Amino acid sequence: MQTTITNSTAIPSKGALWTGRVIMGICILFLLFDAITKIFPAKYVIDASAKVGWGVNTLRPLGTVLLLSTILYGIPRTTLFGAILLTAYLGGATASNILAGYNFIFPIIFGILIWTGLGLTHRQHREIISSTFR
């Protein structure tokens, strides 16, 4: 008689996997758009950034950091590292919005979505995330 031990976190369900992929895809598309508009800023981006306190000379470095972090998040082998970098980036965005008196919920929601997508699609990362909350 053989006993099989299964781990419910071993393989995500098809629904969870595709939900995570969609969430990650939406996050990646939005963040790529945001990075590109910072690297090649239009007038509305320059004006909006100035209201938050960022000068035009800071947009390209910010866009480059965001672009590289997003690319790392999109590559399966570097997803965890990319999520960590994006969390740091979004923390700065949250702080900037608070200091400027703007709505700061949006970067927090995106940070949650980044980790939700990661947890739904990557078993090993889900185990790391869930072990930190035990």
N, C-alpha and C. Protein backbone atom coordinates (compact mmCIF):
# COMPACT_ATOMS: atom_id res chain seq x y z
N MET A 1 0.84 -1.17 0.00
CA MET A 1 0.00 0.00 0.00
C MET A 1 0.89 1.24 0.00
N GLN A 2 0.62 2.11 -0.93
CA GLN A 2 1.41 3.32 -1.07
C GLN A 2 0.63 4.52 -0.57
N THR A 3 1.30 5.39 0.17
CA THR A 3 0.67 6.61 0.65
C THR A 3 1.29 7.78 -0.10
N THR A 4 0.43 8.60 -0.64
CA THR A 4 0.90 9.77 -1.38
C THR A 4 0.58 11.01 -0.57
N ILE A 5 1.59 11.79 -0.36
CA ILE A 5 1.42 13.05 0.35
C ILE A 5 1.43 14.16 -0.69
N THR A 6 0.38 14.95 -0.69
CA THR A 6 0.32 16.07 -1.63
C THR A 6 0.41 17.37 -0.88
N ASN A 7 0.97 18.32 -1.54
CA ASN A 7 1.09 19.66 -0.99
C ASN A 7 0.23 20.57 -1.84
N SER A 8 -0.74 21.24 -1.24
CA SER A 8 -1.66 22.07 -2.00
C SER A 8 -0.97 23.26 -2.65
N THR A 9 0.22 23.63 -2.16
CA THR A 9 0.93 24.75 -2.77
C THR A 9 1.87 24.29 -3.86
N ALA A 10 1.96 23.00 -4.13
CA ALA A 10 2.92 22.50 -5.11
C ALA A 10 2.60 22.96 -6.52
N ILE A 11 1.39 22.79 -6.97
CA ILE A 11 1.02 23.16 -8.32
C ILE A 11 -0.19 24.06 -8.27
N PRO A 12 -0.08 25.28 -8.80
CA PRO A 12 -1.25 26.15 -8.77
C PRO A 12 -2.32 25.62 -9.72
N SER A 13 -3.56 25.88 -9.38
CA SER A 13 -4.65 25.47 -10.27
C SER A 13 -4.55 26.26 -11.56
N LYS A 14 -5.20 25.75 -12.59
CA LYS A 14 -5.18 26.42 -13.88
C LYS A 14 -5.74 27.84 -13.77
N GLY A 15 -6.81 27.98 -12.99
CA GLY A 15 -7.41 29.30 -12.80
C GLY A 15 -6.48 30.27 -12.09
N ALA A 16 -5.82 29.77 -11.03
CA ALA A 16 -4.88 30.63 -10.29
C ALA A 16 -3.71 31.01 -11.17
N LEU A 17 -3.21 30.06 -11.94
CA LEU A 17 -2.08 30.33 -12.82
C LEU A 17 -2.42 31.41 -13.84
N TRP A 18 -3.57 31.28 -14.50
CA TRP A 18 -3.95 32.26 -15.51
C TRP A 18 -4.35 33.60 -14.91
N THR A 19 -4.94 33.58 -13.74
CA THR A 19 -5.24 34.84 -13.05
C THR A 19 -3.95 35.57 -12.72
N GLY A 20 -2.97 34.84 -12.21
CA GLY A 20 -1.67 35.43 -11.91
C GLY A 20 -0.98 35.97 -13.15
N ARG A 21 -1.05 35.23 -14.25
CA ARG A 21 -0.44 35.69 -15.50
C ARG A 21 -1.10 36.97 -16.00
N VAL A 22 -2.42 37.03 -15.91
CA VAL A 22 -3.14 38.24 -16.35
C VAL A 22 -2.76 39.43 -15.47
N ILE A 23 -2.74 39.22 -14.16
CA ILE A 23 -2.37 40.29 -13.24
C ILE A 23 -0.95 40.77 -13.53
N MET A 24 -0.02 39.81 -13.69
CA MET A 24 1.36 40.19 -13.99
C MET A 24 1.45 40.92 -15.33
N GLY A 25 0.71 40.45 -16.32
CA GLY A 25 0.73 41.08 -17.64
C GLY A 25 0.23 42.51 -17.60
N ILE A 26 -0.86 42.74 -16.87
CA ILE A 26 -1.40 44.10 -16.74
C ILE A 26 -0.38 45.00 -16.04
N CYS A 27 0.22 44.50 -14.97
CA CYS A 27 1.23 45.27 -14.24
C CYS A 27 2.41 45.60 -15.14
N ILE A 28 2.89 44.61 -15.88
CA ILE A 28 4.04 44.81 -16.76
C ILE A 28 3.72 45.84 -17.84
N LEU A 29 2.57 45.72 -18.48
CA LEU A 29 2.19 46.67 -19.53
C LEU A 29 2.10 48.09 -18.99
N PHE A 30 1.45 48.25 -17.85
CA PHE A 30 1.33 49.58 -17.28
C PHE A 30 2.69 50.16 -16.90
N LEU A 31 3.52 49.34 -16.25
CA LEU A 31 4.83 49.84 -15.80
C LEU A 31 5.76 50.13 -16.97
N LEU A 32 5.68 49.32 -18.04
CA LEU A 32 6.47 49.62 -19.24
C LEU A 32 6.03 50.95 -19.86
N PHE A 33 4.72 51.17 -19.92
CA PHE A 33 4.21 52.44 -20.44
C PHE A 33 4.71 53.60 -19.59
N ASP A 34 4.64 53.45 -18.27
CA ASP A 34 5.10 54.50 -17.36
C ASP A 34 6.59 54.76 -17.54
N ALA A 35 7.38 53.69 -17.67
CA ALA A 35 8.83 53.85 -17.85
C ALA A 35 9.15 54.57 -19.16
N ILE A 36 8.49 54.19 -20.23
CA ILE A 36 8.76 54.80 -21.53
C ILE A 36 8.36 56.27 -21.53
N THR A 37 7.25 56.62 -20.86
CA THR A 37 6.86 58.03 -20.81
C THR A 37 7.81 58.86 -19.95
N LYS A 38 8.55 58.21 -19.08
CA LYS A 38 9.56 58.93 -18.31
C LYS A 38 10.87 59.05 -19.09
N ILE A 39 11.21 58.04 -19.86
CA ILE A 39 12.45 58.08 -20.64
C ILE A 39 12.31 59.05 -21.81
N PHE A 40 11.14 59.08 -22.43
CA PHE A 40 10.84 60.00 -23.53
C PHE A 40 9.66 60.87 -23.12
N PRO A 41 9.89 61.82 -22.21
CA PRO A 41 8.77 62.54 -21.61
C PRO A 41 8.07 63.53 -22.55
N ALA A 42 6.76 63.49 -22.50
CA ALA A 42 5.94 64.49 -23.17
C ALA A 42 5.69 65.63 -22.17
N LYS A 43 5.12 66.70 -22.66
CA LYS A 43 4.90 67.86 -21.79
C LYS A 43 4.02 67.52 -20.59
N TYR A 44 2.99 66.72 -20.79
CA TYR A 44 2.10 66.39 -19.66
C TYR A 44 2.83 65.59 -18.59
N VAL A 45 3.81 64.76 -18.99
CA VAL A 45 4.59 63.99 -18.01
C VAL A 45 5.51 64.93 -17.24
N ILE A 46 6.12 65.86 -17.93
CA ILE A 46 7.01 66.84 -17.28
C ILE A 46 6.21 67.68 -16.30
N ASP A 47 5.03 68.14 -16.71
CA ASP A 47 4.20 68.96 -15.83
C ASP A 47 3.73 68.17 -14.60
N ALA A 48 3.26 66.95 -14.82
CA ALA A 48 2.78 66.13 -13.70
C ALA A 48 3.92 65.81 -12.73
N SER A 49 5.10 65.53 -13.26
CA SER A 49 6.25 65.22 -12.40
C SER A 49 6.68 66.43 -11.60
N ALA A 50 6.60 67.59 -12.21
CA ALA A 50 6.96 68.83 -11.50
C ALA A 50 6.03 69.07 -10.32
N LYS A 51 4.75 68.72 -10.49
CA LYS A 51 3.79 68.91 -9.39
C LYS A 51 4.12 68.01 -8.20
N VAL A 52 4.71 66.86 -8.49
CA VAL A 52 5.09 65.93 -7.42
C VAL A 52 6.45 66.30 -6.83
N GLY A 53 7.21 67.12 -7.54
CA GLY A 53 8.51 67.56 -7.04
C GLY A 53 9.69 67.00 -7.79
N TRP A 54 9.45 66.29 -8.88
CA TRP A 54 10.54 65.73 -9.67
C TRP A 54 10.85 66.66 -10.84
N GLY A 55 12.12 67.01 -10.98
CA GLY A 55 12.56 67.84 -12.10
C GLY A 55 12.69 67.01 -13.37
N VAL A 56 12.79 67.71 -14.49
CA VAL A 56 12.88 67.02 -15.78
C VAL A 56 14.15 66.18 -15.87
N ASN A 57 15.21 66.59 -15.17
CA ASN A 57 16.47 65.84 -15.22
C ASN A 57 16.42 64.54 -14.43
N THR A 58 15.39 64.32 -13.64
CA THR A 58 15.27 63.08 -12.88
C THR A 58 14.40 62.04 -13.58
N LEU A 59 13.69 62.45 -14.62
CA LEU A 59 12.74 61.54 -15.27
C LEU A 59 13.43 60.37 -15.95
N ARG A 60 14.49 60.62 -16.72
CA ARG A 60 15.16 59.51 -17.43
C ARG A 60 15.76 58.48 -16.48
N PRO A 61 16.48 58.91 -15.41
CA PRO A 61 16.97 57.89 -14.48
C PRO A 61 15.84 57.10 -13.82
N LEU A 62 14.76 57.78 -13.44
CA LEU A 62 13.61 57.08 -12.85
C LEU A 62 13.00 56.10 -13.86
N GLY A 63 12.85 56.55 -15.09
CA GLY A 63 12.29 55.68 -16.13
C GLY A 63 13.18 54.48 -16.41
N THR A 64 14.49 54.70 -16.38
CA THR A 64 15.43 53.60 -16.63
C THR A 64 15.38 52.56 -15.51
N VAL A 65 15.34 53.03 -14.28
CA VAL A 65 15.22 52.11 -13.14
C VAL A 65 13.92 51.33 -13.23
N LEU A 66 12.83 52.02 -13.56
CA LEU A 66 11.54 51.35 -13.67
C LEU A 66 11.54 50.36 -14.83
N LEU A 67 12.13 50.72 -15.95
CA LEU A 67 12.19 49.83 -17.11
C LEU A 67 12.97 48.56 -16.79
N LEU A 68 14.15 48.70 -16.20
CA LEU A 68 14.97 47.54 -15.86
C LEU A 68 14.30 46.66 -14.81
N SER A 69 13.68 47.27 -13.82
CA SER A 69 12.99 46.50 -12.79
C SER A 69 11.81 45.74 -13.38
N THR A 70 11.08 46.37 -14.28
CA THR A 70 9.93 45.73 -14.92
C THR A 70 10.36 44.58 -15.81
N ILE A 71 11.45 44.77 -16.54
CA ILE A 71 11.98 43.69 -17.38
C ILE A 71 12.38 42.50 -16.51
N LEU A 72 13.05 42.77 -15.40
CA LEU A 72 13.43 41.69 -14.49
C LEU A 72 12.20 40.98 -13.92
N TYR A 73 11.16 41.73 -13.65
CA TYR A 73 9.91 41.14 -13.15
C TYR A 73 9.26 40.25 -14.21
N GLY A 74 9.42 40.60 -15.46
CA GLY A 74 8.81 39.83 -16.54
C GLY A 74 9.56 38.56 -16.93
N ILE A 75 10.80 38.42 -16.50
CA ILE A 75 11.59 37.23 -16.81
C ILE A 75 11.41 36.22 -15.68
N PRO A 76 10.94 35.00 -15.98
CA PRO A 76 10.64 34.05 -14.90
C PRO A 76 11.78 33.80 -13.92
N ARG A 77 13.01 33.74 -14.38
CA ARG A 77 14.13 33.45 -13.46
C ARG A 77 14.47 34.62 -12.54
N THR A 78 14.08 35.83 -12.93
CA THR A 78 14.42 37.01 -12.13
C THR A 78 13.18 37.72 -11.59
N THR A 79 12.04 37.04 -11.62
CA THR A 79 10.78 37.66 -11.20
C THR A 79 10.83 38.14 -9.75
N LEU A 80 11.36 37.34 -8.87
CA LEU A 80 11.41 37.72 -7.46
C LEU A 80 12.26 38.98 -7.27
N PHE A 81 13.42 39.03 -7.89
CA PHE A 81 14.29 40.20 -7.79
C PHE A 81 13.59 41.43 -8.37
N GLY A 82 12.93 41.26 -9.51
CA GLY A 82 12.19 42.36 -10.12
C GLY A 82 11.07 42.86 -9.22
N ALA A 83 10.37 41.93 -8.56
CA ALA A 83 9.29 42.33 -7.64
C ALA A 83 9.84 43.13 -6.47
N ILE A 84 10.99 42.74 -5.96
CA ILE A 84 11.61 43.48 -4.86
C ILE A 84 11.99 44.89 -5.31
N LEU A 85 12.60 45.00 -6.49
CA LEU A 85 12.97 46.32 -7.01
C LEU A 85 11.74 47.18 -7.28
N LEU A 86 10.69 46.59 -7.84
CA LEU A 86 9.47 47.34 -8.10
C LEU A 86 8.80 47.79 -6.81
N THR A 87 8.88 46.97 -5.77
CA THR A 87 8.34 47.35 -4.48
C THR A 87 9.06 48.58 -3.94
N ALA A 88 10.38 48.60 -4.08
CA ALA A 88 11.16 49.76 -3.64
C ALA A 88 10.78 51.00 -4.45
N TYR A 89 10.66 50.83 -5.76
CA TYR A 89 10.29 51.94 -6.64
C TYR A 89 8.91 52.49 -6.25
N LEU A 90 7.96 51.59 -6.05
CA LEU A 90 6.60 52.02 -5.71
C LEU A 90 6.54 52.62 -4.30
N GLY A 91 7.43 52.20 -3.42
CA GLY A 91 7.52 52.84 -2.11
C GLY A 91 7.94 54.30 -2.25
N GLY A 92 8.89 54.56 -3.15
CA GLY A 92 9.28 55.94 -3.42
C GLY A 92 8.15 56.74 -4.04
N ALA A 93 7.41 56.11 -4.93
CA ALA A 93 6.26 56.78 -5.55
C ALA A 93 5.20 57.11 -4.49
N THR A 94 4.99 56.19 -3.57
CA THR A 94 4.03 56.44 -2.49
C THR A 94 4.48 57.62 -1.64
N ALA A 95 5.75 57.63 -1.28
CA ALA A 95 6.28 58.73 -0.46
C ALA A 95 6.18 60.06 -1.19
N SER A 96 6.51 60.08 -2.48
CA SER A 96 6.42 61.32 -3.26
C SER A 96 4.99 61.83 -3.33
N ASN A 97 4.05 60.92 -3.54
CA ASN A 97 2.65 61.33 -3.61
C ASN A 97 2.14 61.85 -2.27
N ILE A 98 2.57 61.24 -1.19
CA ILE A 98 2.17 61.73 0.14
C ILE A 98 2.73 63.12 0.37
N LEU A 99 4.02 63.32 0.05
CA LEU A 99 4.63 64.64 0.25
C LEU A 99 3.97 65.72 -0.61
N ALA A 100 3.52 65.34 -1.81
CA ALA A 100 2.89 66.30 -2.71
C ALA A 100 1.41 66.49 -2.40
N GLY A 101 0.87 65.67 -1.50
CA GLY A 101 -0.54 65.79 -1.15
C GLY A 101 -1.48 65.13 -2.15
N TYR A 102 -0.95 64.18 -2.93
CA TYR A 102 -1.76 63.47 -3.91
C TYR A 102 -2.22 62.13 -3.37
N ASN A 103 -3.09 61.50 -4.13
CA ASN A 103 -3.58 60.18 -3.76
C ASN A 103 -2.42 59.18 -3.81
N PHE A 104 -2.18 58.50 -2.72
CA PHE A 104 -1.05 57.58 -2.63
C PHE A 104 -1.49 56.12 -2.68
N ILE A 105 -2.77 55.86 -2.87
CA ILE A 105 -3.28 54.49 -2.87
C ILE A 105 -2.85 53.72 -4.12
N PHE A 106 -2.77 54.40 -5.26
CA PHE A 106 -2.47 53.73 -6.53
C PHE A 106 -1.16 52.95 -6.50
N PRO A 107 -0.03 53.53 -6.07
CA PRO A 107 1.20 52.72 -6.04
C PRO A 107 1.13 51.57 -5.03
N ILE A 108 0.37 51.73 -3.97
CA ILE A 108 0.22 50.65 -3.00
C ILE A 108 -0.56 49.50 -3.62
N ILE A 109 -1.63 49.82 -4.34
CA ILE A 109 -2.42 48.79 -5.00
C ILE A 109 -1.56 48.06 -6.03
N PHE A 110 -0.75 48.80 -6.78
CA PHE A 110 0.11 48.15 -7.77
C PHE A 110 1.13 47.24 -7.10
N GLY A 111 1.66 47.64 -5.96
CA GLY A 111 2.58 46.78 -5.23
C GLY A 111 1.91 45.49 -4.80
N ILE A 112 0.68 45.59 -4.35
CA ILE A 112 -0.07 44.39 -3.95
C ILE A 112 -0.32 43.50 -5.16
N LEU A 113 -0.67 44.11 -6.30
CA LEU A 113 -0.92 43.33 -7.52
C LEU A 113 0.35 42.63 -7.99
N ILE A 114 1.50 43.30 -7.89
CA ILE A 114 2.76 42.69 -8.30
C ILE A 114 3.02 41.41 -7.50
N TRP A 115 2.83 41.47 -6.19
CA TRP A 115 3.08 40.30 -5.35
C TRP A 115 1.99 39.26 -5.48
N THR A 116 0.76 39.68 -5.75
CA THR A 116 -0.33 38.73 -5.96
C THR A 116 -0.07 37.91 -7.22
N GLY A 117 0.29 38.60 -8.31
CA GLY A 117 0.60 37.89 -9.55
C GLY A 117 1.76 36.93 -9.38
N LEU A 118 2.77 37.36 -8.65
CA LEU A 118 3.93 36.51 -8.40
C LEU A 118 3.53 35.27 -7.59
N GLY A 119 2.73 35.47 -6.56
CA GLY A 119 2.32 34.36 -5.72
C GLY A 119 1.43 33.36 -6.43
N LEU A 120 0.60 33.84 -7.34
CA LEU A 120 -0.31 32.94 -8.06
C LEU A 120 0.39 32.12 -9.14
N THR A 121 1.49 32.62 -9.68
CA THR A 121 2.13 31.96 -10.81
C THR A 121 3.39 31.18 -10.46
N HIS A 122 4.04 31.49 -9.36
CA HIS A 122 5.31 30.86 -9.03
C HIS A 122 5.21 30.16 -7.68
N ARG A 123 5.19 28.84 -7.70
CA ARG A 123 5.05 28.03 -6.49
C ARG A 123 6.12 28.34 -5.46
N GLN A 124 7.37 28.37 -5.88
CA GLN A 124 8.46 28.55 -4.92
C GLN A 124 8.40 29.94 -4.28
N HIS A 125 7.98 30.94 -5.03
CA HIS A 125 7.86 32.28 -4.46
C HIS A 125 6.66 32.37 -3.52
N ARG A 126 5.59 31.67 -3.86
CA ARG A 126 4.40 31.63 -3.00
C ARG A 126 4.78 31.03 -1.65
N GLU A 127 5.60 29.98 -1.66
CA GLU A 127 6.02 29.37 -0.41
C GLU A 127 6.87 30.33 0.42
N ILE A 128 7.73 31.08 -0.23
CA ILE A 128 8.55 32.06 0.48
C ILE A 128 7.67 33.15 1.08
N ILE A 129 6.73 33.65 0.28
CA ILE A 129 5.83 34.70 0.74
C ILE A 129 4.98 34.22 1.91
N SER A 130 4.39 33.02 1.77
CA SER A 130 3.51 32.52 2.82
C SER A 130 4.29 32.19 4.10
N SER A 131 5.54 31.78 3.98
CA SER A 131 6.33 31.45 5.18
C SER A 131 6.68 32.69 5.99
N THR A 132 6.70 33.86 5.36
CA THR A 132 7.01 35.08 6.10
C THR A 132 5.85 35.55 6.96
N PHE A 133 4.64 35.06 6.65
CA PHE A 133 3.47 35.49 7.40
C PHE A 133 2.99 34.44 8.41
N ARG A 134 3.77 33.41 8.63
CA ARG A 134 3.39 32.39 9.61
C ARG A 134 3.80 32.79 10.99
